[in-house]
């Protein structure tokens, strides 16, 4: 569609008092193809020219020169509607997809710029629960979206690897620790020790004092405390990486809270030198009343620093290190106030780049009662969810395709893909309810539905012995074919819009729509049984659909198996 968009801008630029960029940004996609492929609204011109927008649209329709790119251009009320040349649209779209393959949809709008994305960030020595699923999969998808737009992406896992909880863990391990259990199931065992500490501390409050003392030792560099902390961190990170491998998520940095310990004094000094701090009840704060925000607490009365202090250090370090064009924090909506305060302090410090820091919030995820059978304490382990999804997918595959050779791999791709898609198909800001019946539905708006459409196309192409063959995409002019082609042509627009709004749900919705359009086309238009010229054109069309489904699912962090 970019080719046609440029042609619209080229036709209008000499007739309208707007620059080309503004023209391109104002172009809309009509909700119904019967209204055209592009629509230019004339409301802005009405204000400038002091004319009725419908009259301006009618006048422009008369004055516009003809173009081989469009079958017709007509005024409809206040809109100027452009109808693409069907044959040319089919030819350019299908040929572009088959020529570019995995690169189709990618652009270079971000070339030479860096995007930093802070996502996932589980707490060391605690289980990787489903609560971290949303940040992980949304952040991973945003990473891939921006990468597709040509940006240099830096994915940071800001691990929760510092704080008073480590004093508690050290106390618990020294009192009740079992080396063999720690080696066998480090995360589970450390979590059990943490829970036990709180249970015992209710009976013996002195344990809390002991924990604070050990954390103070850790902050002061005590060798034993540091060795235990490092061991807990290393064991936890190894377990986390195993989960990330299942999800096929990677990071460029695992620099957690502890990484910034040496920078805290410098950051606080910078803030103090700018005259931004004051003392309130013995604590060091930055007053944010001018921004209608509560004060940002930098240091407690006892001298301890806080999460906000470390985030300020991290932001300053990352700007120095990466010189980012934008930094995204993919963190739950419940932390909105924290990021408002963080960005406000950075602005007060005079950092213009604070405007390029963005909190990407998301809602909570809930599970239907009784749907999860494996619970440990009050937490639902993410690994349990992924395992159950894979097992359920395996059962469905045994029922639908018992002869499938690589059942294990396909079940994993379908099951884990279903969990990821079940999250990403929803608008990120909304709370979502996880329902196994919906997530693994082969007929609903799910990953298995999209993956099955892809596998079905692969099966058709395998049966077409002579494919690939020469084809004439200009033959693809009927309504079912054109509906599919219009969707294919808009793929790059969807990527841009998803990145701009930080909403992978737009890509998830798009691949569902494309899979549905393919299914509708396939039921109404014979492919292998069509006469040769039409057969080859339609094989090219479905091969293009196959490629775009692969590309779209990849942007969501999901695989596309060739058989199911």
Protein backbone atom coordinates (compact mmCIF):
# COMPACT_ATOMS: atom_id res chain seq x y z
CA UNK A 1 0.00 0.00 0.00
CA UNK A 2 2.99 2.34 0.43
CA UNK A 3 3.30 2.65 -3.35
CA UNK A 4 -0.34 3.70 -3.67
CA UNK A 5 -0.12 5.98 -0.65
CA UNK A 6 2.80 7.84 -2.26
CA UNK A 7 0.82 8.17 -5.49
CA UNK A 8 -2.13 9.73 -3.60
CA UNK A 9 0.25 12.23 -1.98
CA UNK A 10 1.83 12.97 -5.36
CA UNK A 11 -1.56 13.67 -6.91
CA UNK A 12 -2.72 15.95 -4.09
CA UNK A 13 0.42 17.89 -3.17
CA UNK A 14 0.09 20.54 -5.90
CA UNK A 15 -3.60 21.11 -5.20
CA UNK A 16 -3.54 21.32 -1.41
CA UNK A 17 -1.76 23.71 0.94
CA UNK A 18 -0.21 20.94 3.09
CA UNK A 19 3.25 19.38 3.09
CA UNK A 20 3.68 15.80 1.90
CA UNK A 21 4.22 14.35 5.38
CA UNK A 22 1.03 15.94 6.72
CA UNK A 23 -0.86 14.74 3.66
CA UNK A 24 0.34 11.17 4.16
CA UNK A 25 -0.55 11.26 7.87
CA UNK A 26 -4.08 12.51 7.14
CA UNK A 27 -4.91 9.70 4.71
CA UNK A 28 -7.43 7.28 6.20
CA UNK A 29 -8.47 3.72 5.47
CA UNK A 30 -12.26 3.56 4.94
CA UNK A 31 -14.06 1.00 7.12
CA UNK A 32 -15.68 -0.54 4.03
CA UNK A 33 -13.85 -1.36 0.74
CA UNK A 34 -16.91 -0.07 -1.13
CA UNK A 35 -15.87 3.38 0.09
CA UNK A 36 -12.41 3.05 -1.44
CA UNK A 37 -8.90 2.03 -0.36
CA UNK A 38 -7.87 5.50 0.78
CA UNK A 39 -9.88 8.49 1.92
CA UNK A 40 -8.66 12.05 2.26
CA UNK A 41 -10.78 14.09 4.71
CA UNK A 42 -11.26 17.74 3.77
CA UNK A 43 -12.12 19.15 7.21
CA UNK A 44 -8.73 20.83 7.71
CA UNK A 45 -8.99 22.48 4.30
CA UNK A 46 -12.47 23.72 5.16
CA UNK A 47 -11.05 25.75 8.05
CA UNK A 48 -8.23 27.15 5.93
CA UNK A 49 -10.35 27.92 2.86
CA UNK A 50 -13.54 28.74 4.72
CA UNK A 51 -15.47 26.45 2.44
CA UNK A 52 -17.77 23.50 2.92
CA UNK A 53 -15.62 20.31 3.11
CA UNK A 54 -17.98 18.46 0.75
CA UNK A 55 -17.60 21.23 -1.83
CA UNK A 56 -13.80 21.08 -1.51
CA UNK A 57 -13.85 17.29 -2.02
CA UNK A 58 -16.04 17.66 -5.13
CA UNK A 59 -13.75 20.37 -6.52
CA UNK A 60 -10.63 18.27 -5.96
CA UNK A 61 -12.23 15.25 -7.65
CA UNK A 62 -12.67 17.32 -10.81
CA UNK A 63 -9.18 18.85 -10.76
CA UNK A 64 -7.17 15.73 -9.98
CA UNK A 65 -5.28 14.27 -12.97
CA UNK A 66 -5.88 10.64 -13.90
CA UNK A 67 -3.59 7.88 -12.65
CA UNK A 68 -2.97 4.29 -13.70
CA UNK A 69 -2.75 3.45 -9.98
CA UNK A 70 -6.45 4.08 -9.39
CA UNK A 71 -9.57 2.82 -11.13
CA UNK A 72 -11.44 5.90 -9.98
CA UNK A 73 -11.27 8.86 -7.60
CA UNK A 74 -14.57 10.27 -6.35
CA UNK A 75 -15.94 12.66 -3.77
CA UNK A 76 -18.24 11.27 -1.12
CA UNK A 77 -19.44 13.99 1.24
CA UNK A 78 -16.39 15.60 2.90
CA UNK A 79 -14.08 12.77 1.75
CA UNK A 80 -12.09 12.23 -1.42
CA UNK A 81 -12.03 8.48 -2.02
CA UNK A 82 -9.37 6.58 -3.99
CA UNK A 83 -10.05 3.12 -5.46
CA UNK A 84 -6.88 1.17 -6.25
CA UNK A 85 -6.39 -0.45 -9.65
CA UNK A 86 -7.22 -4.05 -8.72
CA UNK A 87 -4.82 -5.67 -11.16
CA UNK A 88 -1.92 -3.43 -10.19
CA UNK A 89 -2.65 -3.87 -6.48
CA UNK A 90 -2.67 -7.66 -6.85
CA UNK A 91 0.51 -7.69 -8.91
CA UNK A 92 2.57 -5.39 -6.68
CA UNK A 93 1.37 -6.98 -3.43
CA UNK A 94 1.83 -10.65 -4.29
CA UNK A 95 5.12 -10.11 -6.12
CA UNK A 96 6.51 -8.01 -3.27
CA UNK A 97 5.66 -10.62 -0.64
CA UNK A 98 7.09 -13.56 -2.58
CA UNK A 99 10.23 -11.61 -3.46
CA UNK A 100 10.87 -10.22 0.05
CA UNK A 101 9.82 -13.27 2.07
CA UNK A 102 10.57 -12.80 5.77
CA UNK A 103 11.54 -9.17 5.12
CA UNK A 104 8.06 -8.26 3.85
CA UNK A 105 6.50 -5.60 6.08
CA UNK A 106 9.85 -4.40 7.38
CA UNK A 107 10.92 -0.79 6.93
CA UNK A 108 13.85 1.49 7.77
CA UNK A 109 12.03 4.36 9.48
CA UNK A 110 14.13 3.79 12.62
CA UNK A 111 17.49 3.33 10.93
CA UNK A 112 20.30 4.72 13.06
CA UNK A 113 18.10 5.10 16.16
CA UNK A 114 18.01 3.03 19.35
CA UNK A 115 14.98 1.91 21.33
CA UNK A 116 15.54 0.64 24.87
CA UNK A 117 12.81 -1.68 26.17
CA UNK A 118 12.68 -2.57 29.86
CA UNK A 119 10.48 -5.64 30.31
CA UNK A 120 9.78 -8.84 32.28
CA UNK A 121 11.90 -8.05 35.41
CA UNK A 122 11.07 -10.95 37.78
CA UNK A 123 12.32 -10.92 41.36
CA UNK A 124 15.36 -13.05 42.11
CA UNK A 125 14.76 -16.03 44.42
CA UNK A 126 11.02 -15.95 43.75
CA UNK A 127 9.03 -18.08 41.30
CA UNK A 128 8.45 -16.87 37.76
CA UNK A 129 4.69 -16.54 38.09
CA UNK A 130 2.05 -15.80 35.50
CA UNK A 131 2.08 -12.23 36.77
CA UNK A 132 5.26 -11.71 34.72
CA UNK A 133 3.77 -13.20 31.55
CA UNK A 134 2.21 -9.97 30.29
CA UNK A 135 5.32 -7.81 30.65
CA UNK A 136 7.42 -10.54 29.06
CA UNK A 137 5.32 -11.21 25.95
CA UNK A 138 4.24 -7.58 25.37
CA UNK A 139 7.84 -6.38 25.72
CA UNK A 140 9.16 -9.13 23.46
CA UNK A 141 6.60 -8.29 20.77
CA UNK A 142 7.41 -4.57 20.96
CA UNK A 143 11.10 -5.44 20.59
CA UNK A 144 10.35 -7.38 17.40
CA UNK A 145 8.01 -4.68 16.07
CA UNK A 146 10.58 -1.92 16.46
CA UNK A 147 13.28 -4.16 15.05
CA UNK A 148 11.08 -4.67 11.97
CA UNK A 149 10.97 -0.87 11.59
CA UNK A 150 14.76 -0.68 11.44
CA UNK A 151 15.49 0.43 15.00
CA UNK A 152 18.42 -0.91 16.99
CA UNK A 153 16.65 -2.50 19.95
CA UNK A 154 18.09 -3.08 23.42
CA UNK A 155 16.02 -5.42 25.60
CA UNK A 156 16.76 -5.00 29.31
CA UNK A 157 15.64 -7.37 32.05
CA UNK A 158 15.79 -5.11 35.11
CA UNK A 159 15.91 -7.96 37.61
CA UNK A 160 14.64 -7.40 41.14
CA UNK A 161 17.93 -8.51 42.69
CA UNK A 162 18.31 -6.14 45.66
CA UNK A 163 16.41 -5.22 48.77
CA UNK A 164 15.58 -6.28 52.31
CA UNK A 165 14.15 -9.60 51.12
CA UNK A 166 17.71 -10.83 50.65
CA UNK A 167 18.42 -10.28 54.34
CA UNK A 168 15.40 -12.46 55.06
CA UNK A 169 16.57 -15.14 52.63
CA UNK A 170 20.05 -15.20 54.11
CA UNK A 171 18.65 -15.62 57.62
CA UNK A 172 16.26 -18.36 56.45
CA UNK A 173 19.00 -20.23 54.58
CA UNK A 174 21.50 -20.05 57.45
CA UNK A 175 18.86 -21.30 59.91
CA UNK A 176 17.00 -23.94 57.91
CA UNK A 177 18.84 -24.31 54.59
CA UNK A 178 19.31 -27.67 52.85
CA UNK A 179 22.05 -27.70 50.23
CA UNK A 180 20.64 -30.63 48.26
CA UNK A 181 17.17 -29.05 47.98
CA UNK A 182 18.71 -25.76 46.88
CA UNK A 183 20.64 -27.48 44.09
CA UNK A 184 17.68 -29.58 42.97
CA UNK A 185 14.92 -26.94 42.81
CA UNK A 186 16.49 -23.57 43.59
CA UNK A 187 13.54 -21.27 42.87
CA UNK A 188 10.94 -23.45 44.58
CA UNK A 189 13.16 -24.03 47.58
CA UNK A 190 14.14 -20.37 48.00
CA UNK A 191 10.47 -19.42 47.80
CA UNK A 192 9.67 -22.00 50.51
CA UNK A 193 12.40 -20.53 52.71
CA UNK A 194 11.04 -17.04 52.14
CA UNK A 195 7.51 -18.13 53.08
CA UNK A 196 8.86 -19.97 56.13
CA UNK A 197 10.75 -16.86 57.28
CA UNK A 198 7.53 -14.81 57.32
CA UNK A 199 5.68 -17.57 59.13
CA UNK A 200 8.40 -17.86 61.79
CA UNK A 201 8.77 -14.07 62.08
CA UNK A 202 5.15 -13.84 63.23
CA UNK A 203 6.17 -15.91 66.27
CA UNK A 204 9.63 -14.37 66.68
CA UNK A 205 9.73 -10.67 65.59
CA UNK A 206 13.47 -10.57 66.28
CA UNK A 207 13.97 -12.39 62.98
CA UNK A 208 13.06 -9.15 61.18
CA UNK A 209 15.88 -7.32 63.02
CA UNK A 210 18.26 -10.13 62.16
CA UNK A 211 17.26 -9.88 58.49
CA UNK A 212 17.81 -6.11 58.43
CA UNK A 213 21.24 -6.65 59.98
CA UNK A 214 22.20 -9.17 57.29
CA UNK A 215 21.00 -6.89 54.51
CA UNK A 216 23.11 -4.09 56.02
CA UNK A 217 26.07 -6.51 55.90
CA UNK A 218 25.26 -7.19 52.25
CA UNK A 219 25.17 -3.46 51.46
CA UNK A 220 28.50 -3.03 53.27
CA UNK A 221 30.12 -5.78 51.18
CA UNK A 222 30.33 -8.56 53.78
CA UNK A 223 31.95 -11.56 52.05
CA UNK A 224 29.55 -14.24 53.37
CA UNK A 225 26.44 -12.17 52.66
CA UNK A 226 27.66 -11.27 49.17
CA UNK A 227 28.55 -14.89 48.35
CA UNK A 228 25.10 -16.13 49.37
CA UNK A 229 23.37 -13.30 47.46
CA UNK A 230 25.42 -14.05 44.35
CA UNK A 231 24.56 -17.74 44.58
CA UNK A 232 20.84 -17.04 44.96
CA UNK A 233 21.03 -14.68 41.95
CA UNK A 234 22.96 -17.10 39.73
CA UNK A 235 20.66 -20.04 40.50
CA UNK A 236 17.54 -17.92 39.96
CA UNK A 237 18.77 -16.46 36.68
CA UNK A 238 19.60 -19.92 35.34
CA UNK A 239 16.01 -21.00 36.06
CA UNK A 240 14.57 -17.83 34.52
CA UNK A 241 16.60 -18.34 31.36
CA UNK A 242 15.14 -21.82 31.05
CA UNK A 243 11.63 -20.31 31.06
CA UNK A 244 12.69 -17.61 28.59
CA UNK A 245 14.03 -20.32 26.28
CA UNK A 246 10.60 -22.00 26.27
CA UNK A 247 9.05 -18.64 25.32
CA UNK A 248 11.89 -17.91 22.84
CA UNK A 249 12.52 -14.57 24.55
CA UNK A 250 16.02 -13.10 24.71
CA UNK A 251 17.54 -10.05 26.40
CA UNK A 252 20.54 -7.91 25.62
CA UNK A 253 21.11 -7.10 29.30
CA UNK A 254 20.26 -8.63 32.67
CA UNK A 255 21.43 -5.59 34.64
CA UNK A 256 19.16 -5.55 37.68
CA UNK A 257 18.75 -3.18 40.60
CA UNK A 258 22.07 -4.21 42.18
CA UNK A 259 24.00 -3.00 39.10
CA UNK A 260 23.28 0.60 40.06
CA UNK A 261 24.49 0.42 43.68
CA UNK A 262 27.73 2.26 42.89
CA UNK A 263 25.84 5.03 41.05
CA UNK A 264 23.33 5.96 43.76
CA UNK A 265 25.45 8.59 45.51
CA UNK A 266 26.32 10.29 42.21
CA UNK A 267 22.65 10.46 41.16
CA UNK A 268 21.52 11.87 44.51
CA UNK A 269 24.37 14.40 44.41
CA UNK A 270 23.27 15.53 40.93
CA UNK A 271 19.72 16.09 42.16
CA UNK A 272 20.89 17.93 45.26
CA UNK A 273 23.22 20.18 43.26
CA UNK A 274 20.25 21.29 41.17
CA UNK A 275 18.47 22.35 44.33
CA UNK A 276 15.61 19.91 43.87
CA UNK A 277 15.73 18.08 47.20
CA UNK A 278 14.35 18.80 50.64
CA UNK A 279 14.03 16.94 53.93
CA UNK A 280 10.62 15.72 55.04
CA UNK A 281 10.33 13.82 58.34
CA UNK A 282 14.00 12.92 58.06
CA UNK A 283 13.71 11.54 54.50
CA UNK A 284 15.22 13.03 51.34
CA UNK A 285 12.53 13.92 48.80
CA UNK A 286 11.89 15.82 45.57
CA UNK A 287 8.79 17.99 45.84
CA UNK A 288 6.52 17.42 42.82
CA UNK A 289 3.54 19.50 43.94
CA UNK A 290 3.90 21.71 40.83
CA UNK A 291 3.15 18.60 38.76
CA UNK A 292 0.22 17.69 41.06
CA UNK A 293 2.12 14.59 42.18
CA UNK A 294 3.13 13.32 45.61
CA UNK A 295 6.81 13.84 46.52
CA UNK A 296 9.37 11.40 45.13
CA UNK A 297 11.17 9.68 48.02
CA UNK A 298 14.91 9.24 47.28
CA UNK A 299 16.31 8.16 50.62
CA UNK A 300 14.64 7.00 53.82
CA UNK A 301 15.35 8.40 57.25
CA UNK A 302 17.73 5.47 57.92
CA UNK A 303 19.71 6.27 54.74
CA UNK A 304 18.33 3.42 52.64
CA UNK A 305 17.60 4.16 48.98
CA UNK A 306 14.44 3.14 47.16
CA UNK A 307 13.19 1.76 43.88
CA UNK A 308 12.77 5.31 42.52
CA UNK A 309 16.42 6.14 43.27
CA UNK A 310 17.59 3.09 41.36
CA UNK A 311 15.29 3.83 38.43
CA UNK A 312 16.70 7.36 38.22
CA UNK A 313 20.22 5.90 38.13
CA UNK A 314 19.16 3.36 35.51
CA UNK A 315 17.58 6.01 33.25
CA UNK A 316 20.65 8.27 33.40
CA UNK A 317 23.00 5.33 32.80
CA UNK A 318 20.97 4.03 29.86
CA UNK A 319 20.88 7.42 28.14
CA UNK A 320 24.66 7.72 28.50
CA UNK A 321 25.21 4.13 27.39
CA UNK A 322 22.75 3.87 24.48
CA UNK A 323 21.77 7.46 23.56
CA UNK A 324 18.26 6.14 22.98
CA UNK A 325 15.63 7.78 20.80
CA UNK A 326 13.01 6.28 23.10
CA UNK A 327 12.94 4.15 26.24
CA UNK A 328 9.91 2.00 27.02
CA UNK A 329 9.04 0.61 30.45
CA UNK A 330 6.66 -2.33 29.98
CA UNK A 331 5.32 -2.43 33.53
CA UNK A 332 1.85 -2.95 35.01
CA UNK A 333 -0.65 -0.11 35.19
CA UNK A 334 -0.47 -0.18 39.01
CA UNK A 335 2.97 1.46 38.71
CA UNK A 336 1.72 4.48 36.74
CA UNK A 337 2.29 6.92 39.61
CA UNK A 338 5.87 5.70 40.05
CA UNK A 339 6.69 6.46 36.41
CA UNK A 340 4.94 9.83 36.50
CA UNK A 341 7.19 10.74 39.42
CA UNK A 342 10.29 9.28 37.77
CA UNK A 343 9.80 11.22 34.53
CA UNK A 344 8.92 14.40 36.44
CA UNK A 345 12.19 14.27 38.43
CA UNK A 346 14.18 13.65 35.23
CA UNK A 347 12.52 16.68 33.64
CA UNK A 348 13.30 18.81 36.70
CA UNK A 349 16.93 17.72 36.38
CA UNK A 350 16.92 19.31 32.93
CA UNK A 351 17.06 16.13 30.87
CA UNK A 352 15.17 16.83 27.63
CA UNK A 353 15.30 13.13 26.82
CA UNK A 354 12.87 12.53 29.69
CA UNK A 355 10.16 13.26 27.10
CA UNK A 356 11.35 10.14 25.26
CA UNK A 357 10.71 7.89 28.27
CA UNK A 358 7.38 6.07 28.03
CA UNK A 359 5.51 3.89 30.49
CA UNK A 360 3.69 1.14 28.58
CA UNK A 361 1.09 -0.02 31.13
CA UNK A 362 -0.98 -3.19 31.06
CA UNK A 363 -3.81 -4.70 33.08
CA UNK A 364 -3.86 -7.79 35.27
CA UNK A 365 -4.36 -11.39 34.19
CA UNK A 366 -6.90 -13.56 36.00
CA UNK A 367 -7.59 -17.30 35.86
CA UNK A 368 -11.00 -18.92 36.00
CA UNK A 369 -11.50 -20.83 39.22
CA UNK A 370 -10.64 -24.47 38.80
CA UNK A 371 -8.96 -24.11 35.44
CA UNK A 372 -5.43 -24.45 36.83
CA UNK A 373 -4.82 -27.68 38.67
CA UNK A 374 -1.20 -27.10 39.74
CA UNK A 375 -0.82 -24.41 42.37
CA UNK A 376 2.06 -23.93 44.74
CA UNK A 377 1.06 -21.74 47.62
CA UNK A 378 -0.83 -18.73 46.32
CA UNK A 379 1.24 -18.44 43.13
CA UNK A 380 0.56 -19.89 39.70
CA UNK A 381 3.90 -20.85 38.17
CA UNK A 382 4.28 -19.78 34.55
CA UNK A 383 6.04 -23.04 33.76
CA UNK A 384 2.98 -24.95 34.99
CA UNK A 385 0.81 -22.93 32.61
CA UNK A 386 3.12 -23.58 29.65
CA UNK A 387 3.35 -27.30 30.50
CA UNK A 388 -0.42 -27.67 30.77
CA UNK A 389 -0.97 -25.78 27.50
CA UNK A 390 1.50 -28.09 25.74
CA UNK A 391 -0.18 -31.21 27.17
CA UNK A 392 -3.65 -30.02 26.14
CA UNK A 393 -2.36 -29.22 22.64
CA UNK A 394 -0.87 -32.71 22.47
CA UNK A 395 -4.25 -34.27 23.35
CA UNK A 396 -5.98 -32.26 20.61
CA UNK A 397 -3.31 -33.24 18.06
CA UNK A 398 -3.65 -36.94 18.99
CA UNK A 399 -7.38 -36.65 18.36
CA UNK A 400 -7.24 -34.61 15.13
CA UNK A 401 -4.00 -35.86 13.53
CA UNK A 402 -2.72 -39.03 15.25
CA UNK A 403 -0.27 -39.71 12.41
CA UNK A 404 1.64 -36.44 12.86
CA UNK A 405 5.35 -37.25 13.09
CA UNK A 406 6.73 -34.44 15.26
CA UNK A 407 3.89 -34.27 17.80
CA UNK A 408 6.09 -33.03 20.65
CA UNK A 409 7.50 -30.03 18.78
CA UNK A 410 4.16 -29.06 17.27
CA UNK A 411 2.36 -29.40 20.63
CA UNK A 412 4.94 -27.13 22.21
CA UNK A 413 4.61 -24.54 19.43
CA UNK A 414 0.80 -24.67 19.56
CA UNK A 415 0.47 -24.76 23.35
CA UNK A 416 2.98 -22.02 24.15
CA UNK A 417 1.80 -20.00 21.17
CA UNK A 418 -1.75 -20.23 22.52
CA UNK A 419 -0.70 -18.83 25.90
CA UNK A 420 1.20 -15.94 24.31
CA UNK A 421 -1.57 -15.15 21.83
CA UNK A 422 -4.23 -15.44 24.54
CA UNK A 423 -2.53 -12.48 26.17
CA UNK A 424 -1.61 -10.41 23.11
CA UNK A 425 -4.98 -10.56 21.32
CA UNK A 426 -6.36 -8.39 24.14
CA UNK A 427 -5.85 -4.65 24.38
CA UNK A 428 -2.91 -4.51 26.80
CA UNK A 429 -4.50 -1.95 29.13
CA UNK A 430 -7.47 -4.19 29.93
CA UNK A 431 -7.57 -6.84 32.64
CA UNK A 432 -7.94 -10.24 31.01
CA UNK A 433 -9.36 -13.57 32.09
CA UNK A 434 -7.41 -16.62 31.00
CA UNK A 435 -9.73 -19.41 29.81
CA UNK A 436 -8.27 -22.69 28.53
CA UNK A 437 -11.37 -23.42 26.42
CA UNK A 438 -10.90 -20.18 24.46
CA UNK A 439 -7.11 -20.19 24.29
CA UNK A 440 -6.83 -23.61 22.62
CA UNK A 441 -9.86 -23.27 20.32
CA UNK A 442 -8.98 -24.16 16.71
CA UNK A 443 -11.99 -22.22 15.42
CA UNK A 444 -11.91 -19.03 17.51
CA UNK A 445 -9.67 -15.98 17.59
CA UNK A 446 -6.66 -17.88 18.86
CA UNK A 447 -3.11 -18.83 17.91
CA UNK A 448 -4.15 -22.41 16.97
CA UNK A 449 -6.73 -20.96 14.55
CA UNK A 450 -4.06 -18.86 12.82
CA UNK A 451 -1.45 -21.63 12.97
CA UNK A 452 -3.94 -24.10 11.48
CA UNK A 453 -4.61 -21.75 8.56
CA UNK A 454 -0.86 -21.60 7.95
CA UNK A 455 -0.52 -25.40 8.16
CA UNK A 456 -3.46 -25.82 5.79
CA UNK A 457 -1.79 -23.58 3.18
CA UNK A 458 1.46 -25.54 3.54
CA UNK A 459 -0.52 -28.74 2.88
CA UNK A 460 -2.12 -27.26 -0.26
CA UNK A 461 1.25 -26.11 -1.57
CA UNK A 462 2.75 -29.57 -0.95
CA UNK A 463 -0.02 -31.11 -3.06
CA UNK A 464 0.63 -28.66 -5.91
CA UNK A 465 3.41 -30.61 -7.60
CA UNK A 466 4.24 -27.93 -10.17
CA UNK A 467 4.44 -25.07 -7.67
CA UNK A 468 6.30 -22.71 -7.73
CA UNK A 469 5.45 -21.91 -11.33
CA UNK A 470 5.06 -18.74 -13.36
CA UNK A 471 1.90 -16.86 -12.44
CA UNK A 472 -0.05 -13.77 -13.39
CA UNK A 473 -1.28 -12.01 -10.24
CA UNK A 474 -3.31 -9.51 -12.30
CA UNK A 475 -5.91 -12.29 -12.65
CA UNK A 476 -6.75 -11.97 -8.94
CA UNK A 477 -9.63 -9.54 -9.27
CA UNK A 478 -12.73 -11.14 -7.71
CA UNK A 479 -14.03 -9.94 -4.34
CA UNK A 480 -12.67 -12.84 -2.25
CA UNK A 481 -9.22 -12.52 -3.81
CA UNK A 482 -9.19 -8.75 -3.48
CA UNK A 483 -10.23 -8.89 0.16
CA UNK A 484 -7.21 -11.07 0.93
CA UNK A 485 -4.93 -8.84 -1.16
CA UNK A 486 -6.03 -5.65 0.58
CA UNK A 487 -5.22 -7.23 3.94
CA UNK A 488 -1.82 -8.40 2.70
CA UNK A 489 -1.06 -4.94 1.33
CA UNK A 490 -1.73 -3.29 4.69
CA UNK A 491 0.67 -5.42 6.73
CA UNK A 492 3.39 -2.76 6.99
CA UNK A 493 0.78 -0.17 8.04
CA UNK A 494 -0.31 -2.49 10.86
CA UNK A 495 3.28 -2.87 12.06
CA UNK A 496 3.75 0.91 12.18
CA UNK A 497 0.45 1.47 14.00
CA UNK A 498 1.17 -1.32 16.52
CA UNK A 499 4.59 0.16 17.30
CA UNK A 500 3.29 3.73 17.54
CA UNK A 501 0.52 2.74 19.96
CA UNK A 502 2.58 0.06 21.77
CA UNK A 503 -0.21 -2.42 21.02
CA UNK A 504 0.82 -5.86 19.73
CA UNK A 505 -2.93 -6.63 19.85
CA UNK A 506 -3.22 -4.88 16.46
CA UNK A 507 -0.91 -7.49 14.90
CA UNK A 508 -2.75 -10.32 16.69
CA UNK A 509 -6.07 -9.01 15.37
CA UNK A 510 -4.58 -8.65 11.90
CA UNK A 511 -3.36 -12.28 11.63
CA UNK A 512 -6.77 -13.52 12.83
CA UNK A 513 -8.46 -11.42 10.15
CA UNK A 514 -6.03 -12.64 7.50
CA UNK A 515 -6.55 -16.29 8.50
CA UNK A 516 -10.34 -15.75 8.36
CA UNK A 517 -10.07 -14.07 4.94
CA UNK A 518 -8.01 -17.00 3.64
CA UNK A 519 -10.54 -19.54 4.96
CA UNK A 520 -13.40 -17.64 3.32
CA UNK A 521 -11.48 -17.39 0.04
CA UNK A 522 -10.55 -21.09 0.09
CA UNK A 523 -14.14 -22.22 0.65
CA UNK A 524 -15.41 -20.11 -2.26
CA UNK A 525 -12.56 -20.24 -4.75
CA UNK A 526 -11.09 -23.54 -5.95
CA UNK A 527 -7.30 -23.56 -6.03
CA UNK A 528 -5.89 -26.92 -7.11
CA UNK A 529 -8.97 -27.65 -9.25
CA UNK A 530 -8.99 -24.28 -11.03
CA UNK A 531 -7.84 -23.93 -14.64
CA UNK A 532 -4.06 -23.51 -14.94
CA UNK A 533 -3.67 -19.71 -15.11
CA UNK A 534 -6.11 -19.12 -12.25
CA UNK A 535 -4.64 -22.06 -10.31
CA UNK A 536 -1.12 -20.63 -10.43
CA UNK A 537 -2.29 -17.12 -9.52
CA UNK A 538 -4.21 -18.48 -6.53
CA UNK A 539 -1.29 -20.63 -5.43
CA UNK A 540 0.84 -17.49 -5.49
CA UNK A 541 -1.82 -15.70 -3.45
CA UNK A 542 -2.03 -18.34 -0.73
CA UNK A 543 1.77 -18.63 -0.64
CA UNK A 544 1.80 -14.88 0.04
CA UNK A 545 -0.76 -15.40 2.83
CA UNK A 546 1.41 -18.17 4.28
CA UNK A 547 4.43 -15.86 4.36
CA UNK A 548 2.59 -12.97 5.99
CA UNK A 549 1.08 -15.27 8.62
CA UNK A 550 4.63 -16.44 9.44
CA UNK A 551 5.87 -12.85 9.60
CA UNK A 552 2.93 -11.69 11.73
CA UNK A 553 3.17 -14.57 14.19
CA UNK A 554 6.92 -13.97 14.51
CA UNK A 555 6.24 -10.37 15.59
CA UNK A 556 4.10 -11.82 18.39
CA UNK A 557 6.80 -14.30 19.41
CA UNK A 558 4.89 -17.32 18.05
CA UNK A 559 5.94 -20.15 15.72
CA UNK A 560 4.04 -21.30 12.64
CA UNK A 561 4.22 -25.13 12.31
CA UNK A 562 3.87 -26.50 8.77
CA UNK A 563 1.76 -29.45 9.94
CA UNK A 564 -0.79 -29.76 12.75
